[in-house]
């Protein structure tokens, strides 16, 4: 019997996966339907189930597709596997991606359908729907960038009706993404307190919307939406670049939205990011076991980045390191410099790691604004101010906010560039600032550089690799689906 991810039911017991920091609800076994959504607690459980769908993808696929499929990273000690561009539609990695996203979309569709009619607190009701729409937009954005036009499903899966939906035009997918994020930005609060920190906010919706507009080449809306986030006075850069990634600072002023992980939880709420990115030291692994990393920095990328504080925090070529003195070399030889953004010093003492996956942060918004501003008006003072704020923090090792001569020599301010020169400088800045955070592949694709950059790095990229193959099992389950070209 053919199966499809569309035929899955919403199991509320999944709500405990990956969102432990603000999800205190007990597991439920009822399916998502009008029979379930009766009380305010039911509505909250339904929303929390949508968050639960984030966990697996951002604990693995996000960095695999966003970074390892580019010239900045490789598979570390896992050198025996295929390059992501050698995979076929039959490989499970693509179905995992597809299934995770549609699972979250189905959960969100239940909330969007049933919660608006519930007789519960109006403010909470609107917020819950806003959270579901934000997350649905995020899931569809991931799918659109990865696969192109995909089936556009906006009703809950309660029978087989969703099993034969064909791929929608990419423009229609983006129209839903934009509509959902606009609605979410109006419905969500600017911040939360206590155990609710980490939930989607109005700033997260606007920040993601700015990235969507940038991906579409809608410079005007990208600039204005990013500017709205900047003028909200809700967000800012940490003074010290290292503080961006410390678990103790999670959901801080620079974090618009992160996937929440909690270490030491027997139900599996911790992340594997520390192990995947920096696992060469057996002291940080469970039971003292030595394991190979899943991600390592490409040596060519490491060598190409100017030596400055941000580089020394982001990746380390040799241990011991001044910034990570507790790590010593042990086990197999390194496959490349180690990405260090997800370093959690407590990892080996707990079940899983406490490091969150940062989906969107304020430095990204500043660079979105700078790029869009340049495309509209050339490198204006405002564009320079935005990108140079990121560079200033990147070189400021003592975090005193001063432009000292040695730091400026390592990473000077941008100035005196043409429109084309500024454009390329912002692209380079994004590559350095956001490396290993799952953004680089999508930046290369939206700017039309993917194939050329990959070929120059020795990877076997072709035009078809701009999109991933539709998973074979989905094609078999849904005859209305059409495969991407040349797969």
Protein backbone atom coordinates (compact mmCIF):
# COMPACT_ATOMS: atom_id res chain seq x y z
CA UNK A 1 0.00 0.00 0.00
CA UNK A 2 1.36 3.40 -0.98
CA UNK A 3 1.97 5.81 1.87
CA UNK A 4 2.44 9.56 2.00
CA UNK A 5 3.38 12.06 4.62
CA UNK A 6 0.02 13.72 3.99
CA UNK A 7 -1.81 10.79 5.53
CA UNK A 8 -0.25 11.26 8.96
CA UNK A 9 -2.49 12.31 11.82
CA UNK A 10 -1.63 15.00 14.31
CA UNK A 11 -0.47 13.18 17.43
CA UNK A 12 -0.38 15.59 20.29
CA UNK A 13 2.05 13.36 22.16
CA UNK A 14 4.76 14.77 19.86
CA UNK A 15 4.54 18.16 21.49
CA UNK A 16 7.23 17.22 23.99
CA UNK A 17 9.89 16.93 21.26
CA UNK A 18 12.39 19.78 21.04
CA UNK A 19 10.53 22.64 22.69
CA UNK A 20 11.02 21.72 26.30
CA UNK A 21 12.01 25.20 27.47
CA UNK A 22 8.49 26.54 27.23
CA UNK A 23 6.37 23.45 26.67
CA UNK A 24 5.10 22.13 29.96
CA UNK A 25 1.99 20.42 28.67
CA UNK A 26 1.59 16.68 29.27
CA UNK A 27 1.53 14.44 26.17
CA UNK A 28 -1.89 13.92 24.64
CA UNK A 29 -3.10 11.14 22.41
CA UNK A 30 -6.08 12.82 20.72
CA UNK A 31 -5.83 13.72 17.06
CA UNK A 32 -5.97 17.32 15.83
CA UNK A 33 -9.62 17.97 14.96
CA UNK A 34 -12.67 19.83 16.14
CA UNK A 35 -13.09 17.03 18.67
CA UNK A 36 -9.78 17.94 20.25
CA UNK A 37 -9.82 21.75 20.26
CA UNK A 38 -12.23 22.42 23.11
CA UNK A 39 -10.34 24.37 25.78
CA UNK A 40 -7.59 26.98 26.00
CA UNK A 41 -5.24 24.23 27.15
CA UNK A 42 -6.11 22.27 24.01
CA UNK A 43 -5.31 25.28 21.84
CA UNK A 44 -1.93 25.70 23.54
CA UNK A 45 -1.17 21.99 23.12
CA UNK A 46 -1.99 22.29 19.43
CA UNK A 47 0.41 25.20 18.99
CA UNK A 48 3.12 23.43 20.96
CA UNK A 49 2.79 20.47 18.61
CA UNK A 50 3.69 22.80 15.72
CA UNK A 51 6.86 23.86 17.54
CA UNK A 52 7.72 20.19 18.11
CA UNK A 53 8.16 19.72 14.35
CA UNK A 54 11.17 22.06 14.40
CA UNK A 55 13.39 19.80 16.46
CA UNK A 56 14.64 17.14 14.07
CA UNK A 57 15.22 19.29 11.00
CA UNK A 58 17.24 21.96 12.79
CA UNK A 59 19.18 19.37 14.77
CA UNK A 60 20.58 17.98 11.53
CA UNK A 61 19.20 18.84 8.10
CA UNK A 62 19.43 22.63 8.42
CA UNK A 63 23.21 22.69 8.67
CA UNK A 64 23.63 19.76 6.31
CA UNK A 65 21.72 21.43 3.48
CA UNK A 66 22.65 25.03 4.30
CA UNK A 67 26.41 24.58 4.83
CA UNK A 68 27.76 21.12 3.99
CA UNK A 69 26.24 21.44 0.50
CA UNK A 70 28.45 24.51 -0.11
CA UNK A 71 32.15 25.39 -0.25
CA UNK A 72 32.39 26.44 3.42
CA UNK A 73 31.97 23.04 5.10
CA UNK A 74 32.37 19.30 4.67
CA UNK A 75 31.21 16.17 6.45
CA UNK A 76 34.08 16.06 8.91
CA UNK A 77 35.14 12.60 9.93
CA UNK A 78 32.14 11.18 8.07
CA UNK A 79 34.18 11.18 4.87
CA UNK A 80 32.87 7.89 3.52
CA UNK A 81 29.47 9.18 2.44
CA UNK A 82 28.33 10.82 -0.76
CA UNK A 83 28.49 14.50 -1.51
CA UNK A 84 24.99 15.93 -1.14
CA UNK A 85 25.03 16.64 -4.88
CA UNK A 86 25.55 12.94 -5.63
CA UNK A 87 22.39 11.89 -3.85
CA UNK A 88 19.30 10.78 -5.76
CA UNK A 89 15.58 11.04 -5.13
CA UNK A 90 15.74 7.66 -3.37
CA UNK A 91 18.06 8.88 -0.61
CA UNK A 92 16.22 9.29 2.72
CA UNK A 93 17.85 12.61 3.57
CA UNK A 94 15.48 14.44 1.21
CA UNK A 95 12.40 12.63 2.42
CA UNK A 96 13.36 13.45 6.01
CA UNK A 97 13.47 17.12 5.02
CA UNK A 98 10.15 16.94 3.15
CA UNK A 99 8.39 14.92 5.85
CA UNK A 100 9.53 17.13 8.72
CA UNK A 101 8.26 20.26 7.01
CA UNK A 102 4.87 18.82 6.04
CA UNK A 103 4.38 17.36 9.48
CA UNK A 104 4.76 20.86 10.91
CA UNK A 105 2.49 22.31 8.23
CA UNK A 106 -0.22 19.80 9.08
CA UNK A 107 0.00 20.66 12.77
CA UNK A 108 -0.19 24.36 11.91
CA UNK A 109 -3.18 23.83 9.63
CA UNK A 110 -5.11 22.30 12.52
CA UNK A 111 -4.48 25.35 14.68
CA UNK A 112 -5.34 27.79 11.89
CA UNK A 113 -8.59 25.95 11.14
CA UNK A 114 -9.96 25.21 14.59
CA UNK A 115 -8.61 27.77 17.05
CA UNK A 116 -10.22 30.94 15.54
CA UNK A 117 -13.70 29.65 16.37
CA UNK A 118 -12.86 28.67 19.94
CA UNK A 119 -14.45 30.57 22.82
CA UNK A 120 -11.24 31.33 24.69
CA UNK A 121 -9.30 34.46 25.64
CA UNK A 122 -9.33 36.56 22.47
CA UNK A 123 -5.79 37.84 22.81
CA UNK A 124 -4.40 34.35 23.35
CA UNK A 125 -6.53 32.95 20.55
CA UNK A 126 -5.13 35.48 18.08
CA UNK A 127 -1.60 34.84 19.34
CA UNK A 128 -1.88 31.09 18.95
CA UNK A 129 -3.05 31.46 15.36
CA UNK A 130 -0.23 33.94 14.75
CA UNK A 131 2.34 31.48 16.08
CA UNK A 132 0.97 28.73 13.84
CA UNK A 133 1.06 30.98 10.78
CA UNK A 134 4.62 32.06 11.52
CA UNK A 135 5.74 28.45 11.77
CA UNK A 136 3.77 27.39 8.69
CA UNK A 137 5.47 30.18 6.74
CA UNK A 138 8.88 29.03 8.00
CA UNK A 139 8.19 25.43 6.94
CA UNK A 140 7.02 26.49 3.49
CA UNK A 141 9.99 28.84 3.10
CA UNK A 142 12.35 25.94 3.76
CA UNK A 143 10.50 23.77 1.24
CA UNK A 144 10.36 26.48 -1.43
CA UNK A 145 14.09 27.15 -1.22
CA UNK A 146 14.91 23.45 -1.24
CA UNK A 147 12.49 22.01 -3.77
CA UNK A 148 10.85 24.94 -5.61
CA UNK A 149 7.09 24.80 -6.05
CA UNK A 150 5.56 22.25 -3.68
CA UNK A 151 2.01 21.09 -2.89
CA UNK A 152 0.21 23.94 -1.18
CA UNK A 153 -1.77 22.39 1.65
CA UNK A 154 -3.70 24.70 3.94
CA UNK A 155 -6.32 22.32 5.35
CA UNK A 156 -5.65 19.66 8.01
CA UNK A 157 -5.13 16.11 6.80
CA UNK A 158 -8.20 14.26 8.09
CA UNK A 159 -8.71 11.87 5.16
CA UNK A 160 -7.07 11.12 1.81
CA UNK A 161 -8.03 14.43 0.17
CA UNK A 162 -4.52 15.91 0.55
CA UNK A 163 -2.79 12.91 -1.01
CA UNK A 164 -3.17 13.90 -4.66
CA UNK A 165 -2.38 17.60 -4.62
CA UNK A 166 0.05 18.66 -7.39
CA UNK A 167 2.94 21.08 -6.99
CA UNK A 168 1.89 24.71 -6.84
CA UNK A 169 3.60 27.51 -8.71
CA UNK A 170 6.47 28.88 -6.66
CA UNK A 171 4.86 32.33 -6.74
CA UNK A 172 1.75 30.94 -5.05
CA UNK A 173 3.83 29.30 -2.32
CA UNK A 174 5.57 32.60 -1.64
CA UNK A 175 2.23 34.41 -1.62
CA UNK A 176 1.07 32.19 1.25
CA UNK A 177 4.38 32.66 3.07
CA UNK A 178 4.10 36.45 2.82
CA UNK A 179 0.43 36.44 3.84
CA UNK A 180 1.11 34.23 6.87
CA UNK A 181 4.03 36.36 8.04
CA UNK A 182 2.10 39.59 7.63
CA UNK A 183 -0.73 38.14 9.71
CA UNK A 184 1.71 36.80 12.30
CA UNK A 185 3.53 40.12 12.66
CA UNK A 186 0.20 41.81 13.46
CA UNK A 187 -0.98 39.16 15.92
CA UNK A 188 2.17 38.31 17.88
CA UNK A 189 3.60 40.21 20.86
CA UNK A 190 7.04 41.85 20.64
CA UNK A 191 8.42 39.71 23.46
CA UNK A 192 7.65 37.12 26.13
CA UNK A 193 8.78 36.55 29.67
CA UNK A 194 9.56 33.57 31.85
CA UNK A 195 8.96 30.12 30.43
CA UNK A 196 7.41 31.51 27.24
CA UNK A 197 10.65 33.07 26.02
CA UNK A 198 11.62 31.50 22.71
CA UNK A 199 8.15 31.56 21.17
CA UNK A 200 7.58 33.41 17.90
CA UNK A 201 7.29 37.20 18.19
CA UNK A 202 6.21 40.02 15.91
CA UNK A 203 9.89 40.84 15.35
CA UNK A 204 10.60 37.26 14.32
CA UNK A 205 7.78 37.42 11.79
CA UNK A 206 9.04 40.72 10.37
CA UNK A 207 12.64 39.52 10.27
CA UNK A 208 11.71 36.34 8.42
CA UNK A 209 9.48 38.36 6.09
CA UNK A 210 12.44 40.62 5.26
CA UNK A 211 14.48 37.54 4.31
CA UNK A 212 11.62 36.24 2.17
CA UNK A 213 11.44 39.55 0.33
CA UNK A 214 15.21 39.53 -0.14
CA UNK A 215 15.02 36.00 -1.56
CA UNK A 216 12.39 37.21 -4.03
CA UNK A 217 14.49 40.22 -5.02
CA UNK A 218 11.83 42.58 -3.68
CA UNK A 219 14.33 45.18 -2.51
CA UNK A 220 11.81 47.82 -1.47
CA UNK A 221 9.86 45.55 0.86
CA UNK A 222 13.02 43.87 2.13
CA UNK A 223 14.51 47.21 3.11
CA UNK A 224 11.35 48.58 4.71
CA UNK A 225 10.62 45.38 6.64
CA UNK A 226 14.18 45.04 7.91
CA UNK A 227 14.09 48.73 8.84
CA UNK A 228 10.94 48.12 10.88
CA UNK A 229 12.79 45.51 12.92
CA UNK A 230 15.74 47.87 13.38
CA UNK A 231 13.49 50.73 14.49
CA UNK A 232 11.49 48.59 16.91
CA UNK A 233 14.29 49.02 19.51
CA UNK A 234 13.63 45.42 20.57
CA UNK A 235 16.84 43.95 19.21
CA UNK A 236 20.54 44.74 19.08
CA UNK A 237 23.96 43.18 18.70
CA UNK A 238 25.69 41.58 21.66
CA UNK A 239 28.83 43.58 22.41
CA UNK A 240 30.92 40.40 22.36
CA UNK A 241 30.53 38.14 19.32
CA UNK A 242 31.14 35.04 21.45
CA UNK A 243 28.07 35.85 23.55
CA UNK A 244 25.78 35.27 20.58
CA UNK A 245 26.26 31.51 20.84
CA UNK A 246 26.61 30.84 24.56
CA UNK A 247 23.72 28.75 25.90
CA UNK A 248 23.52 31.10 28.89
CA UNK A 249 22.51 33.93 26.54
CA UNK A 250 19.86 32.05 24.57
CA UNK A 251 16.81 34.06 23.47
CA UNK A 252 18.79 37.24 24.08
CA UNK A 253 18.59 40.62 22.41
CA UNK A 254 20.18 39.44 19.16
CA UNK A 255 18.00 36.35 18.75
CA UNK A 256 14.82 36.91 16.76
CA UNK A 257 13.95 33.22 16.66
CA UNK A 258 15.69 30.04 17.78
CA UNK A 259 14.77 26.37 17.97
CA UNK A 260 14.73 25.52 21.66
CA UNK A 261 16.75 22.65 23.10
CA UNK A 262 17.28 21.67 26.73
CA UNK A 263 20.07 19.37 27.91
CA UNK A 264 19.71 16.81 30.67
CA UNK A 265 16.19 15.78 29.65
CA UNK A 266 15.53 12.07 29.53
CA UNK A 267 12.75 12.63 26.97
CA UNK A 268 15.28 13.73 24.39
CA UNK A 269 14.94 17.51 24.42
CA UNK A 270 18.67 18.20 24.03
CA UNK A 271 20.47 19.09 20.83
CA UNK A 272 23.30 17.25 19.11
CA UNK A 273 24.86 20.43 17.74
CA UNK A 274 27.90 20.49 20.02
CA UNK A 275 28.68 16.89 19.16
CA UNK A 276 28.14 17.37 15.43
CA UNK A 277 30.21 20.54 15.13
CA UNK A 278 32.97 20.14 17.71
CA UNK A 279 33.22 16.55 18.85
CA UNK A 280 36.97 15.96 18.61
CA UNK A 281 37.41 16.11 22.38
CA UNK A 282 36.14 12.99 24.19
CA UNK A 283 35.54 15.05 27.33
CA UNK A 284 32.46 16.63 25.74
CA UNK A 285 30.90 13.37 24.63
CA UNK A 286 28.55 11.12 26.55
CA UNK A 287 30.37 8.45 28.58
CA UNK A 288 33.71 9.77 27.36
CA UNK A 289 33.30 8.10 23.95
CA UNK A 290 35.21 9.44 20.95
CA UNK A 291 33.01 10.21 17.96
CA UNK A 292 33.60 11.77 14.56
CA UNK A 293 32.09 15.13 13.77
CA UNK A 294 29.41 15.57 11.13
CA UNK A 295 30.60 19.05 10.11
CA UNK A 296 34.07 20.50 9.59
CA UNK A 297 35.25 23.76 8.04
CA UNK A 298 36.72 23.55 4.56
CA UNK A 299 40.37 24.51 4.80
CA UNK A 300 40.10 26.80 1.76
CA UNK A 301 37.31 28.75 3.42
CA UNK A 302 39.19 28.97 6.68
CA UNK A 303 42.29 30.28 4.93
CA UNK A 304 40.29 32.81 2.91
CA UNK A 305 38.73 34.52 5.95
CA UNK A 306 40.90 37.37 7.33
CA UNK A 307 42.23 36.74 10.81
CA UNK A 308 40.06 38.62 13.29
CA UNK A 309 38.16 37.94 16.50
CA UNK A 310 34.99 36.67 14.82
CA UNK A 311 37.00 34.09 12.89
CA UNK A 312 38.73 32.85 16.02
CA UNK A 313 35.38 32.36 17.73
CA UNK A 314 33.64 30.81 14.70
CA UNK A 315 36.24 28.18 13.86
CA UNK A 316 39.47 26.79 15.27
CA UNK A 317 42.21 25.16 13.20
CA UNK A 318 44.30 23.83 16.09
CA UNK A 319 43.85 23.07 19.77
CA UNK A 320 44.60 24.25 22.37
CA UNK A 321 42.84 27.50 21.55
CA UNK A 322 42.92 30.70 23.60
CA UNK A 323 39.15 31.01 23.23
CA UNK A 324 38.43 27.35 24.06
CA UNK A 325 41.14 26.41 26.58
CA UNK A 326 39.17 23.47 27.98
CA UNK A 327 39.37 21.53 24.70
CA UNK A 328 42.31 19.24 24.05
CA UNK A 329 43.05 17.16 20.97
CA UNK A 330 42.22 13.49 21.28
CA UNK A 331 41.12 10.69 19.00
CA UNK A 332 41.34 10.67 15.20
CA UNK A 333 43.01 13.41 13.19
CA UNK A 334 40.92 16.45 12.31
CA UNK A 335 39.23 16.45 8.91
CA UNK A 336 39.37 20.23 8.85
CA UNK A 337 39.17 23.23 11.19
CA UNK A 338 36.34 22.86 13.69
CA UNK A 339 33.24 25.08 13.55
CA UNK A 340 32.77 26.29 17.13
CA UNK A 341 29.55 28.32 17.20
CA UNK A 342 27.60 25.60 18.99
CA UNK A 343 30.12 24.83 21.69
CA UNK A 344 28.39 23.93 24.95
CA UNK A 345 30.94 23.30 27.74
CA UNK A 346 28.39 21.26 29.71
CA UNK A 347 27.54 18.90 26.86
CA UNK A 348 29.38 15.84 28.17
CA UNK A 349 27.76 16.13 31.59
CA UNK A 350 24.17 15.98 30.33
CA UNK A 351 21.81 14.09 28.06
CA UNK A 352 22.13 16.04 24.86
CA UNK A 353 23.23 19.65 24.53
CA UNK A 354 21.72 22.95 25.57
CA UNK A 355 22.75 24.88 22.45
CA UNK A 356 19.82 26.33 20.51
CA UNK A 357 19.73 26.51 16.73
CA UNK A 358 19.46 30.20 15.83
CA UNK A 359 17.10 30.51 12.87
CA UNK A 360 17.31 34.30 12.66
CA UNK A 361 19.35 36.93 14.48
CA UNK A 362 19.75 40.69 14.37
CA UNK A 363 23.06 40.74 12.47
CA UNK A 364 21.27 38.97 9.62
CA UNK A 365 18.58 41.68 9.61
CA UNK A 366 21.24 44.41 9.42
CA UNK A 367 22.83 42.71 6.43
CA UNK A 368 19.46 42.23 4.74
CA UNK A 369 18.86 45.96 5.13
CA UNK A 370 22.31 46.87 3.82
CA UNK A 371 21.95 44.67 0.73
CA UNK A 372 18.44 45.90 -0.11
CA UNK A 373 19.37 49.55 0.52
CA UNK A 374 22.32 49.23 -1.83
CA UNK A 375 20.20 47.68 -4.58
CA UNK A 376 17.70 50.52 -4.33
CA UNK A 377 19.96 53.53 -3.79
CA UNK A 378 23.59 52.44 -4.00
CA UNK A 379 25.84 52.29 -0.93
CA UNK A 380 24.20 55.02 1.14
CA UNK A 381 25.35 56.11 4.58
CA UNK A 382 22.59 53.96 6.07
CA UNK A 383 23.83 50.89 4.17
CA UNK A 384 27.40 51.46 5.34
CA UNK A 385 26.24 52.02 8.90
CA UNK A 386 24.39 48.69 8.98
CA UNK A 387 27.18 46.53 7.59
CA UNK A 388 29.92 48.33 9.50
CA UNK A 389 28.06 47.75 12.76
CA UNK A 390 28.43 44.02 12.11
CA UNK A 391 32.11 44.40 11.21
CA UNK A 392 32.83 46.57 14.25
CA UNK A 393 31.48 43.91 16.59
CA UNK A 394 33.31 41.19 14.63
CA UNK A 395 36.75 42.69 15.33
CA UNK A 396 36.07 44.01 18.85
CA UNK A 397 37.81 41.29 20.85
CA UNK A 398 37.69 43.13 24.16
CA UNK A 399 34.06 44.21 23.54
CA UNK A 400 34.76 47.78 24.62
CA UNK A 401 33.04 49.37 21.62
CA UNK A 402 36.20 51.22 20.64
CA UNK A 403 37.81 51.20 17.20
CA UNK A 404 41.37 50.38 18.12
CA UNK A 405 44.12 50.49 15.50
CA UNK A 406 44.99 46.80 15.68
CA UNK A 407 41.37 45.75 15.38
CA UNK A 408 40.74 48.10 12.46
CA UNK A 409 43.77 46.68 10.70
CA UNK A 410 42.32 43.19 11.03
CA UNK A 411 38.86 44.13 9.73
CA UNK A 412 38.48 47.73 8.50
CA UNK A 413 35.18 49.49 7.88
CA UNK A 414 33.78 49.36 4.37
CA UNK A 415 33.97 52.65 2.52
CA UNK A 416 34.27 54.19 -0.95
CA UNK A 417 32.75 51.24 -2.82
CA UNK A 418 30.75 51.20 -6.02
CA UNK A 419 27.28 49.67 -6.00
CA UNK A 420 28.71 46.44 -7.41
CA UNK A 421 31.62 46.46 -4.98
CA UNK A 422 29.33 47.03 -2.00
CA UNK A 423 27.04 44.22 -3.14
CA UNK A 424 29.93 41.76 -3.23
CA UNK A 425 31.23 43.05 0.11
CA UNK A 426 27.87 42.36 1.77
CA UNK A 427 27.80 38.88 0.27
CA UNK A 428 31.27 38.28 1.69
CA UNK A 429 30.18 39.66 5.05
CA UNK A 430 27.23 37.30 5.19
CA UNK A 431 29.56 34.39 4.37
CA UNK A 432 31.82 35.28 7.31
CA UNK A 433 29.20 36.41 9.84
CA UNK A 434 26.64 33.65 9.27
CA UNK A 435 28.83 30.68 8.38
CA UNK A 436 27.63 27.33 9.79
CA UNK A 437 24.20 28.79 10.62
CA UNK A 438 22.40 27.24 7.65
CA UNK A 439 22.19 30.34 5.40
CA UNK A 440 24.99 30.08 2.87
CA UNK A 441 23.48 27.75 0.28
CA UNK A 442 20.36 29.88 0.09
CA UNK A 443 22.45 33.06 -0.29
CA UNK A 444 24.38 31.51 -3.17
CA UNK A 445 21.18 30.40 -4.87
CA UNK A 446 19.23 33.63 -4.55
CA UNK A 447 22.19 35.62 -5.92
CA UNK A 448 22.76 33.23 -8.84
CA UNK A 449 26.26 32.20 -7.77
CA UNK A 450 25.75 28.63 -6.59
CA UNK A 451 27.01 26.62 -9.57
CA UNK A 452 30.00 28.87 -10.29
CA UNK A 453 31.13 28.99 -6.66
CA UNK A 454 30.76 25.26 -6.22
CA UNK A 455 32.63 24.45 -9.42
CA UNK A 456 35.42 26.80 -8.39
CA UNK A 457 35.71 24.86 -5.10
CA UNK A 458 36.01 21.55 -6.93
CA UNK A 459 32.46 20.31 -6.27
CA UNK A 460 30.49 18.60 -9.03
CA UNK A 461 27.67 21.14 -9.22
CA UNK A 462 25.29 21.40 -12.16
CA UNK A 463 22.27 23.59 -12.83
CA UNK A 464 19.95 20.87 -11.54
CA UNK A 465 21.53 21.09 -8.09
CA UNK A 466 19.87 24.45 -7.49
CA UNK A 467 16.91 22.32 -6.34
CA UNK A 468 16.79 19.06 -4.44
CA UNK A 469 14.98 16.05 -5.93
CA UNK A 470 11.39 15.42 -4.89
CA UNK A 471 11.64 12.29 -2.67
CA UNK A 472 10.95 9.08 -4.54
CA UNK A 473 8.46 7.76 -1.97
CA UNK A 474 6.45 10.97 -2.29
CA UNK A 475 6.35 10.59 -6.06
CA UNK A 476 5.14 7.02 -5.66
CA UNK A 477 2.48 8.01 -3.14
CA UNK A 478 1.24 11.01 -5.12
CA UNK A 479 1.09 10.56 -8.93
CA UNK A 480 0.26 14.26 -9.30
CA UNK A 481 3.79 15.25 -8.29
CA UNK A 482 6.36 16.03 -11.02
CA UNK A 483 10.08 15.55 -10.39
CA UNK A 484 12.54 18.44 -10.66
CA UNK A 485 14.49 18.55 -13.92
CA UNK A 486 17.29 16.06 -14.57
CA UNK A 487 16.71 13.88 -11.51
